Amino acid sequence: MSETSPLVLFLYPNFPANWRLFVTNLVRLGCRVIAVGDAPWEAIGEDLQKNLTEYWRLYNAEDYNELKNAVSCLIQRHGKISRVSSHTEYWLRFESRIRTDFGIEDGYIYEEIQEKQQKSVMKDLFRSVGVPVARGKVIENEAEILEFAEEVGYPLCAKPNTGVGANGAFKIKNENDVREFCRRKEKDYIIEEFIQGKIVTFDGLVDLNGSIVFYSSFELTKNIMEALLEHDDNSYHIAKTVAPDLYDYGTRIVRQFNIRNGEFFHIEFFRKFSDNTLVALEINMRPPGGPTVDMINFAYNIDLYRQWANIVVYNQFTETFVNATNHIVGFASRRYGLNYLHSYEDVVNTYGDQILVNAPLPEVWRAGMGDWQYVFKTKDFAKFQEIVRFIQTRETPSALQIS
């Protein structure tokens, strides 16, 4: 491969495991890919070992100076970096600092990420383009929470103002919970009214100019925060189509946040049970998490790993895309230590011809998603419900209801 080939820096390309396919497809199109991560060389997998131009192991993932030194050395060895990627929310701040410090003009700079990862800023930007949001505010003390509860009523939802997913979230049901929350919190939190609804997403990919070239949606049976707090199973599915109101709000947000340079986006909404309207929750400048990229590929019969690489190299999305798929791809999880009515063998024997993935979830996802995953394909929502019930029904009835 020529030393003049585009040079891409990928942060932590071995997690999640399927992210290696972004690297594989860049190399297939003639890029050189260098990478950093905290896994030893022998643990990153054969695909990455074969495709990476160089891999630099870090020993302290939180030490930006160590990362900065590694990048400096890699640039001295391999030349100017044209792109930095991780596709992981947690590493966006490091991505953006590298761009700022080394003059790489392929995406978000540090100040931009620092601002747009704050949930309070997200709310302001959502409102500015006419997208409804849950009432909420950044709080400093117990008195402010009690005042807010007086205004909107219990329960309340408390989340770190800057954070990843549902990590660190609390559900506050009364004044005792307020006191316990204030005793335990260690960072800035935003408090919101608790919206009764199901989470739906607007997920997609833009080209180098910021035009949306692909979009889809999934619907959660139980939101991640509740599954995490209640240590419950979870399930969701890729929707057959994206509803018009979801597309409208989603595209407004993509434009307002200036998603660009061949980046993915993942926007979460509540669809309220009371009137079926949407309330924006948050945006992440990355692909949807868990096994969702693979599920989208199964549902739409496309390859988003390859298409992202096509955009990076040629600014072309070469698949034919329509806002419709003929089947549903679903996810259902189980928790270790619970007594399920049907054994793992029962599940495979009954629905084996529809199961696409049958494997443990990575440790870092288990709190909110479950320990064991089944990904499956079916023709309609009723069959999705049937399969989830079969997988998750316990010998003692569960509180989980699929509606």
Protein backbone atom coordinates (compact mmCIF):
# COMPACT_ATOMS: atom_id res chain seq x y z
CA MET A 1 0.00 0.00 0.00
CA SER A 2 1.37 3.42 -1.00
CA GLU A 3 2.63 5.90 1.59
CA THR A 4 0.43 8.46 -0.17
CA SER A 5 -2.73 6.45 0.57
CA PRO A 6 -5.15 8.21 2.98
CA LEU A 7 -4.14 7.63 6.61
CA VAL A 8 -6.94 7.03 9.12
CA LEU A 9 -6.50 6.88 12.89
CA PHE A 10 -9.02 4.60 14.61
CA LEU A 11 -9.41 4.66 18.39
CA TYR A 12 -10.17 1.32 20.08
CA PRO A 13 -11.10 -0.56 16.88
CA ASN A 14 -11.59 -3.88 18.69
CA PHE A 15 -14.63 -2.71 20.69
CA PRO A 16 -17.27 -3.59 20.00
CA ALA A 17 -15.99 -6.57 18.05
CA ASN A 18 -17.94 -5.69 14.88
CA TRP A 19 -16.22 -2.26 14.68
CA ARG A 20 -13.26 -4.08 13.12
CA LEU A 21 -15.37 -4.15 9.94
CA PHE A 22 -15.01 -0.36 9.61
CA VAL A 23 -11.24 -0.88 9.50
CA THR A 24 -11.46 -3.83 7.10
CA ASN A 25 -13.53 -1.84 4.62
CA LEU A 26 -11.26 1.22 4.76
CA VAL A 27 -8.27 -0.97 3.95
CA ARG A 28 -10.20 -2.68 1.15
CA LEU A 29 -10.63 0.76 -0.45
CA GLY A 30 -6.93 1.59 -0.23
CA CYS A 31 -6.61 3.44 3.09
CA ARG A 32 -3.86 2.90 5.60
CA VAL A 33 -5.30 2.53 9.10
CA ILE A 34 -3.33 3.06 12.30
CA ALA A 35 -4.95 2.45 15.65
CA VAL A 36 -4.58 2.92 19.39
CA GLY A 37 -6.25 1.00 22.20
CA ASP A 38 -5.66 -0.53 25.60
CA ALA A 39 -5.95 -4.18 24.54
CA PRO A 40 -2.72 -6.15 24.00
CA TRP A 41 -1.81 -6.96 20.40
CA GLU A 42 -2.73 -10.62 20.75
CA ALA A 43 -6.24 -9.69 21.96
CA ILE A 44 -7.33 -7.42 19.10
CA GLY A 45 -8.09 -10.26 16.68
CA GLU A 46 -6.68 -11.59 13.45
CA ASP A 47 -8.63 -9.22 11.18
CA LEU A 48 -7.17 -6.13 12.82
CA GLN A 49 -3.68 -7.63 13.06
CA LYS A 50 -3.78 -8.26 9.31
CA ASN A 51 -5.26 -4.91 8.28
CA LEU A 52 -3.72 -2.32 10.58
CA THR A 53 -0.58 -0.52 9.42
CA GLU A 54 0.39 -0.10 13.08
CA TYR A 55 -1.26 -0.62 16.46
CA TRP A 56 -0.13 1.33 19.54
CA ARG A 57 -1.12 -0.03 22.90
CA LEU A 58 -2.11 2.47 25.61
CA TYR A 59 -1.86 1.63 29.30
CA ASN A 60 -4.16 4.29 30.76
CA ALA A 61 -7.30 4.89 28.71
CA GLU A 62 -8.08 8.09 30.64
CA ASP A 63 -4.66 9.70 30.13
CA TYR A 64 -4.97 12.05 27.18
CA ASN A 65 -1.29 12.94 27.33
CA GLU A 66 -0.37 9.29 26.73
CA LEU A 67 -2.74 9.23 23.74
CA LYS A 68 -1.39 12.54 22.42
CA ASN A 69 2.17 11.23 22.63
CA ALA A 70 1.19 8.06 20.78
CA VAL A 71 -0.48 10.04 17.99
CA SER A 72 2.55 12.30 17.67
CA CYS A 73 4.84 9.29 17.26
CA LEU A 74 2.49 7.66 14.75
CA ILE A 75 2.41 10.85 12.66
CA GLN A 76 6.23 10.96 12.65
CA ARG A 77 6.31 7.37 11.37
CA HIS A 78 3.43 7.42 8.89
CA GLY A 79 2.71 11.02 7.91
CA LYS A 80 -0.30 13.31 8.16
CA ILE A 81 -3.55 11.84 9.42
CA SER A 82 -6.57 12.59 7.22
CA ARG A 83 -9.29 11.25 9.53
CA VAL A 84 -9.87 10.26 13.17
CA SER A 85 -12.68 7.85 14.10
CA SER A 86 -13.93 5.70 16.95
CA HIS A 87 -17.72 5.59 16.42
CA THR A 88 -18.00 5.45 20.22
CA GLU A 89 -19.60 8.17 22.33
CA TYR A 90 -17.11 7.82 25.15
CA TRP A 91 -14.11 8.52 22.90
CA LEU A 92 -15.58 11.48 20.98
CA ARG A 93 -13.96 13.95 23.36
CA PHE A 94 -10.54 12.39 22.72
CA GLU A 95 -11.21 12.27 18.97
CA SER A 96 -12.03 15.97 19.00
CA ARG A 97 -8.97 16.89 21.09
CA ILE A 98 -6.72 15.06 18.64
CA ARG A 99 -8.27 17.01 15.75
CA THR A 100 -7.77 20.28 17.59
CA ASP A 101 -4.20 19.55 18.70
CA PHE A 102 -2.97 18.15 15.37
CA GLY A 103 -4.94 20.30 12.93
CA ILE A 104 -7.01 17.45 11.47
CA GLU A 105 -10.04 18.94 9.73
CA ASP A 106 -12.30 15.93 9.28
CA GLY A 107 -14.95 16.44 11.96
CA TYR A 108 -15.95 17.85 15.32
CA ILE A 109 -13.44 19.94 17.24
CA TYR A 110 -13.04 19.80 21.00
CA GLU A 111 -15.07 22.88 21.93
CA GLU A 112 -17.95 21.69 19.75
CA ILE A 113 -18.10 18.24 21.36
CA GLN A 114 -17.74 19.68 24.86
CA GLU A 115 -20.85 21.76 24.25
CA LYS A 116 -23.02 19.37 22.24
CA GLN A 117 -22.58 16.40 24.56
CA GLN A 118 -24.35 18.31 27.35
CA LYS A 119 -27.99 17.27 27.62
CA SER A 120 -29.00 20.79 28.71
CA VAL A 121 -27.49 22.22 25.49
CA MET A 122 -29.24 19.51 23.47
CA LYS A 123 -32.58 20.65 24.87
CA ASP A 124 -31.94 24.25 23.84
CA LEU A 125 -30.94 23.21 20.33
CA PHE A 126 -33.95 20.91 19.97
CA ARG A 127 -36.28 23.72 21.01
CA SER A 128 -34.63 26.14 18.60
CA VAL A 129 -35.85 24.06 15.62
CA GLY A 130 -39.33 23.44 17.02
CA VAL A 131 -38.77 19.94 18.40
CA PRO A 132 -40.62 19.28 21.70
CA VAL A 133 -38.58 18.27 24.77
CA ALA A 134 -39.30 17.10 28.30
CA ARG A 135 -39.28 19.86 30.90
CA GLY A 136 -35.97 19.80 32.72
CA LYS A 137 -33.13 21.79 34.26
CA VAL A 138 -29.60 21.40 35.57
CA ILE A 139 -29.83 21.34 39.37
CA GLU A 140 -27.43 22.34 42.09
CA ASN A 141 -29.09 21.19 45.31
CA GLU A 142 -32.00 19.44 46.99
CA ALA A 143 -34.11 22.59 47.21
CA GLU A 144 -34.00 23.05 43.44
CA ILE A 145 -35.17 19.46 42.87
CA LEU A 146 -38.04 19.84 45.30
CA GLU A 147 -39.07 23.07 43.60
CA PHE A 148 -38.97 21.38 40.20
CA ALA A 149 -40.98 18.42 41.53
CA GLU A 150 -43.59 20.85 42.81
CA GLU A 151 -43.87 22.22 39.26
CA VAL A 152 -44.01 18.97 37.24
CA GLY A 153 -44.82 16.24 39.79
CA TYR A 154 -43.19 12.86 40.52
CA PRO A 155 -41.62 10.70 39.24
CA LEU A 156 -38.55 12.53 37.95
CA CYS A 157 -35.65 11.33 35.86
CA ALA A 158 -32.10 12.35 36.85
CA LYS A 159 -29.20 11.88 34.42
CA PRO A 160 -25.63 13.18 34.26
CA ASN A 161 -25.67 16.34 32.16
CA THR A 162 -22.76 14.91 30.22
CA GLY A 163 -22.80 11.14 30.05
CA VAL A 164 -23.17 8.02 27.95
CA GLY A 165 -26.55 6.29 27.66
CA ALA A 166 -28.41 5.54 30.90
CA ASN A 167 -25.25 5.22 32.99
CA GLY A 168 -25.62 7.05 36.28
CA ALA A 169 -29.38 7.57 35.85
CA PHE A 170 -31.85 7.70 38.75
CA LYS A 171 -35.64 7.48 38.90
CA ILE A 172 -36.87 9.77 41.68
CA LYS A 173 -40.34 8.86 43.01
CA ASN A 174 -40.65 10.93 46.17
CA GLU A 175 -38.87 13.24 48.62
CA ASN A 176 -36.96 10.35 50.20
CA ASP A 177 -35.53 9.52 46.78
CA VAL A 178 -34.54 13.18 46.37
CA ARG A 179 -32.50 13.07 49.57
CA GLU A 180 -30.89 9.75 48.63
CA PHE A 181 -30.05 11.05 45.14
CA CYS A 182 -28.43 14.20 46.53
CA ARG A 183 -26.38 12.10 48.94
CA ARG A 184 -25.04 9.91 46.13
CA LYS A 185 -24.60 12.24 43.16
CA GLU A 186 -21.02 13.22 42.32
CA LYS A 187 -21.38 15.33 39.14
CA ASP A 188 -23.65 17.80 37.39
CA TYR A 189 -27.10 16.33 36.79
CA ILE A 190 -30.08 17.34 34.76
CA ILE A 191 -33.53 16.62 36.23
CA GLU A 192 -36.44 16.00 33.87
CA GLU A 193 -40.11 15.21 34.11
CA PHE A 194 -40.68 11.48 33.63
CA ILE A 195 -42.29 10.85 30.25
CA GLN A 196 -44.61 7.87 29.94
CA GLY A 197 -43.86 6.48 26.51
CA LYS A 198 -41.72 4.14 24.45
CA ILE A 199 -38.32 5.08 23.08
CA VAL A 200 -38.04 5.32 19.31
CA THR A 201 -34.91 6.38 17.44
CA PHE A 202 -33.86 8.16 14.29
CA ASP A 203 -30.55 6.65 13.21
CA GLY A 204 -28.54 7.24 10.10
CA LEU A 205 -25.48 8.32 8.18
CA VAL A 206 -24.55 11.53 6.35
CA ASP A 207 -22.10 12.06 3.51
CA LEU A 208 -19.10 14.40 3.66
CA ASN A 209 -21.37 17.37 2.91
CA GLY A 210 -23.86 16.56 5.69
CA SER A 211 -26.63 15.17 3.46
CA ILE A 212 -28.47 12.19 4.93
CA VAL A 213 -27.82 9.13 2.76
CA PHE A 214 -29.41 6.49 5.02
CA TYR A 215 -31.83 6.47 7.94
CA SER A 216 -33.79 3.95 9.97
CA SER A 217 -35.46 3.58 13.36
CA PHE A 218 -35.76 1.08 16.17
CA GLU A 219 -38.37 0.82 18.92
CA LEU A 220 -37.60 -0.30 22.47
CA THR A 221 -40.03 -2.47 24.41
CA LYS A 222 -38.53 -1.23 27.69
CA ASN A 223 -36.24 1.79 27.89
CA ILE A 224 -32.61 1.20 28.80
CA MET A 225 -32.77 3.21 32.02
CA GLU A 226 -35.64 1.13 33.41
CA ALA A 227 -34.00 -2.16 32.37
CA LEU A 228 -30.80 -1.02 34.08
CA LEU A 229 -32.48 0.13 37.29
CA GLU A 230 -34.77 -2.92 37.49
CA HIS A 231 -32.18 -5.44 36.25
CA ASP A 232 -34.73 -6.69 33.74
CA ASP A 233 -34.65 -8.27 30.29
CA ASN A 234 -34.96 -6.05 27.26
CA SER A 235 -36.10 -6.23 23.67
CA TYR A 236 -36.36 -3.98 20.64
CA HIS A 237 -36.81 -4.17 16.89
CA ILE A 238 -35.89 -2.36 13.71
CA ALA A 239 -39.06 -0.67 12.48
CA LYS A 240 -40.27 -1.47 8.97
CA THR A 241 -40.57 2.25 8.15
CA VAL A 242 -39.69 5.60 9.70
CA ALA A 243 -42.83 7.53 10.66
CA PRO A 244 -43.24 10.96 8.97
CA ASP A 245 -43.15 12.94 12.24
CA LEU A 246 -40.00 11.09 13.34
CA TYR A 247 -38.33 11.84 10.01
CA ASP A 248 -39.33 15.50 10.23
CA TYR A 249 -37.96 16.05 13.74
CA GLY A 250 -34.92 13.87 13.11
CA THR A 251 -33.83 15.74 10.00
CA ARG A 252 -34.30 19.10 11.73
CA ILE A 253 -31.98 17.95 14.52
CA VAL A 254 -29.34 16.60 12.13
CA ARG A 255 -29.20 19.98 10.38
CA GLN A 256 -29.16 21.94 13.65
CA PHE A 257 -26.29 19.89 15.09
CA ASN A 258 -24.35 20.17 11.82
CA ILE A 259 -23.76 16.43 11.52
CA ARG A 260 -21.21 16.17 8.71
CA ASN A 261 -18.07 14.56 7.31
CA GLY A 262 -19.49 11.07 6.88
CA GLU A 263 -20.64 10.65 10.48
CA PHE A 264 -23.40 8.51 11.94
CA PHE A 265 -26.12 9.86 14.21
CA HIS A 266 -28.37 8.27 16.82
CA ILE A 267 -31.29 10.38 18.10
CA GLU A 268 -33.67 9.16 20.80
CA PHE A 269 -37.28 10.24 21.30
CA PHE A 270 -40.14 9.26 23.54
CA ARG A 271 -43.39 8.51 21.74
CA LYS A 272 -45.91 9.39 24.44
CA PHE A 273 -48.54 6.85 25.37
CA SER A 274 -51.07 9.59 26.03
CA ASP A 275 -51.28 11.17 22.56
CA ASN A 276 -48.69 9.38 20.35
CA THR A 277 -46.63 12.57 19.91
CA LEU A 278 -42.84 12.73 20.06
CA VAL A 279 -40.57 14.30 22.67
CA ALA A 280 -36.83 14.53 21.90
CA LEU A 281 -34.55 12.90 24.46
CA GLU A 282 -30.93 13.17 23.26
CA ILE A 283 -28.58 12.89 20.29
CA ASN A 284 -25.35 10.92 19.96
CA MET A 285 -22.89 11.53 17.13
CA ARG A 286 -22.19 7.85 16.56
CA PRO A 287 -23.89 4.70 15.25
CA PRO A 288 -26.64 3.17 17.40
CA GLY A 289 -25.20 0.92 20.09
CA GLY A 290 -25.29 -2.76 20.91
CA PRO A 291 -25.85 -5.05 17.91
CA THR A 292 -28.01 -2.46 16.14
CA VAL A 293 -25.76 -1.78 13.13
CA ASP A 294 -25.78 -5.49 12.32
CA MET A 295 -29.55 -5.59 12.85
CA ILE A 296 -30.00 -2.71 10.39
CA ASN A 297 -27.82 -4.53 7.88
CA PHE A 298 -29.95 -7.66 8.28
CA ALA A 299 -33.20 -5.69 7.98
CA TYR A 300 -32.28 -3.63 4.91
CA ASN A 301 -29.93 -6.15 3.29
CA ILE A 302 -27.13 -3.58 3.17
CA ASP A 303 -23.61 -3.17 4.59
CA LEU A 304 -23.23 0.05 6.56
CA TYR A 305 -19.60 -0.75 7.38
CA ARG A 306 -18.78 -0.78 3.67
CA GLN A 307 -20.96 2.23 2.90
CA TRP A 308 -19.32 4.34 5.60
CA ALA A 309 -15.91 3.52 4.07
CA ASN A 310 -17.27 4.42 0.61
CA ILE A 311 -18.27 7.83 1.92
CA VAL A 312 -14.93 8.42 3.66
CA VAL A 313 -12.96 7.58 0.49
CA TYR A 314 -15.29 8.52 -2.40
CA ASN A 315 -18.18 10.40 -0.76
CA GLN A 316 -20.56 7.89 -2.32
CA PHE A 317 -23.34 5.76 -0.83
CA THR A 318 -23.70 2.99 -3.37
CA GLU A 319 -26.66 1.02 -1.99
CA THR A 320 -30.19 1.62 -3.21
CA PHE A 321 -32.08 2.89 -0.17
CA VAL A 322 -35.84 3.18 0.36
CA ASN A 323 -37.61 3.94 3.65
CA ALA A 324 -39.06 0.45 3.99
CA THR A 325 -38.04 -3.10 4.80
CA ASN A 326 -40.15 -6.20 4.30
CA HIS A 327 -39.39 -7.79 7.65
CA ILE A 328 -38.61 -7.02 11.27
CA VAL A 329 -35.25 -7.76 12.87
CA GLY A 330 -35.61 -8.09 16.62
CA PHE A 331 -33.44 -8.36 19.72
CA ALA A 332 -34.34 -10.10 22.97
CA SER A 333 -32.11 -10.59 25.99
CA ARG A 334 -31.96 -12.75 29.08
CA ARG A 335 -30.31 -12.31 32.49
CA TYR A 336 -28.11 -14.92 34.08
CA GLY A 337 -29.47 -16.42 37.29
CA LEU A 338 -33.17 -16.13 36.37
CA ASN A 339 -35.47 -19.10 35.84
CA TYR A 340 -36.97 -18.98 32.36
CA LEU A 341 -39.85 -21.19 31.31
CA HIS A 342 -38.09 -22.26 28.11
CA SER A 343 -34.49 -23.45 28.00
CA TYR A 344 -31.87 -22.13 25.60
CA GLU A 345 -32.28 -25.39 23.68
CA ASP A 346 -36.06 -24.81 23.48
CA VAL A 347 -35.49 -21.38 21.96
CA VAL A 348 -33.09 -22.69 19.32
CA ASN A 349 -35.22 -25.72 18.52
CA THR A 350 -38.38 -23.62 18.15
CA TYR A 351 -37.04 -20.55 16.32
CA GLY A 352 -33.62 -21.63 15.09
CA ASP A 353 -34.40 -20.90 11.44
CA GLN A 354 -35.12 -17.25 12.37
CA ILE A 355 -32.24 -16.67 14.81
CA LEU A 356 -29.32 -14.67 13.40
CA VAL A 357 -27.27 -14.18 16.58
CA ASN A 358 -27.26 -16.36 19.71
CA ALA A 359 -24.42 -15.24 21.99
CA PRO A 360 -23.42 -13.47 25.22
CA LEU A 361 -23.42 -9.68 25.22
CA PRO A 362 -20.16 -7.82 25.89
CA GLU A 363 -19.74 -7.09 29.60
CA VAL A 364 -20.02 -3.31 29.21
CA TRP A 365 -23.54 -3.56 27.71
CA ARG A 366 -25.03 -6.01 30.17
CA ALA A 367 -26.30 -3.61 32.82
CA GLY A 368 -28.78 -1.98 30.46
CA MET A 369 -29.34 -4.72 27.87
CA GLY A 370 -29.00 -8.13 29.52
CA ASP A 371 -26.45 -10.93 29.59
CA TRP A 372 -27.42 -13.11 26.63
CA GLN A 373 -28.74 -11.92 23.27
CA TYR A 374 -30.90 -13.36 20.55
CA VAL A 375 -31.17 -11.45 17.29
CA PHE A 376 -33.79 -12.78 14.90
CA LYS A 377 -35.68 -11.97 11.73
CA THR A 378 -39.44 -12.25 11.30
CA LYS A 379 -42.17 -11.03 8.97
CA ASP A 380 -44.35 -8.98 11.30
CA PHE A 381 -44.64 -7.38 14.73
CA ALA A 382 -47.00 -10.06 16.09
CA LYS A 383 -44.37 -12.72 15.42
CA PHE A 384 -41.71 -10.51 17.05
CA GLN A 385 -43.90 -10.33 20.18
CA GLU A 386 -44.40 -14.10 20.13
CA ILE A 387 -40.66 -14.82 19.95
CA VAL A 388 -39.82 -12.30 22.71
CA ARG A 389 -42.46 -13.84 24.98
CA PHE A 390 -41.09 -17.33 24.34
CA ILE A 391 -37.53 -16.19 25.14
CA GLN A 392 -38.31 -14.08 28.20
CA THR A 393 -41.27 -15.69 29.98
CA ARG A 394 -40.13 -16.83 33.39
CA GLU A 395 -41.35 -19.60 35.61
CA THR A 396 -42.42 -16.77 37.93
CA PRO A 397 -44.32 -14.21 35.78
CA SER A 398 -42.21 -11.17 34.83
CA ALA A 399 -43.30 -7.57 35.10
CA LEU A 400 -42.25 -7.08 31.49
CA GLN A 401 -45.21 -6.55 29.20
CA ILE A 402 -44.88 -6.19 25.45
CA SER A 403 -47.38 -3.84 23.95
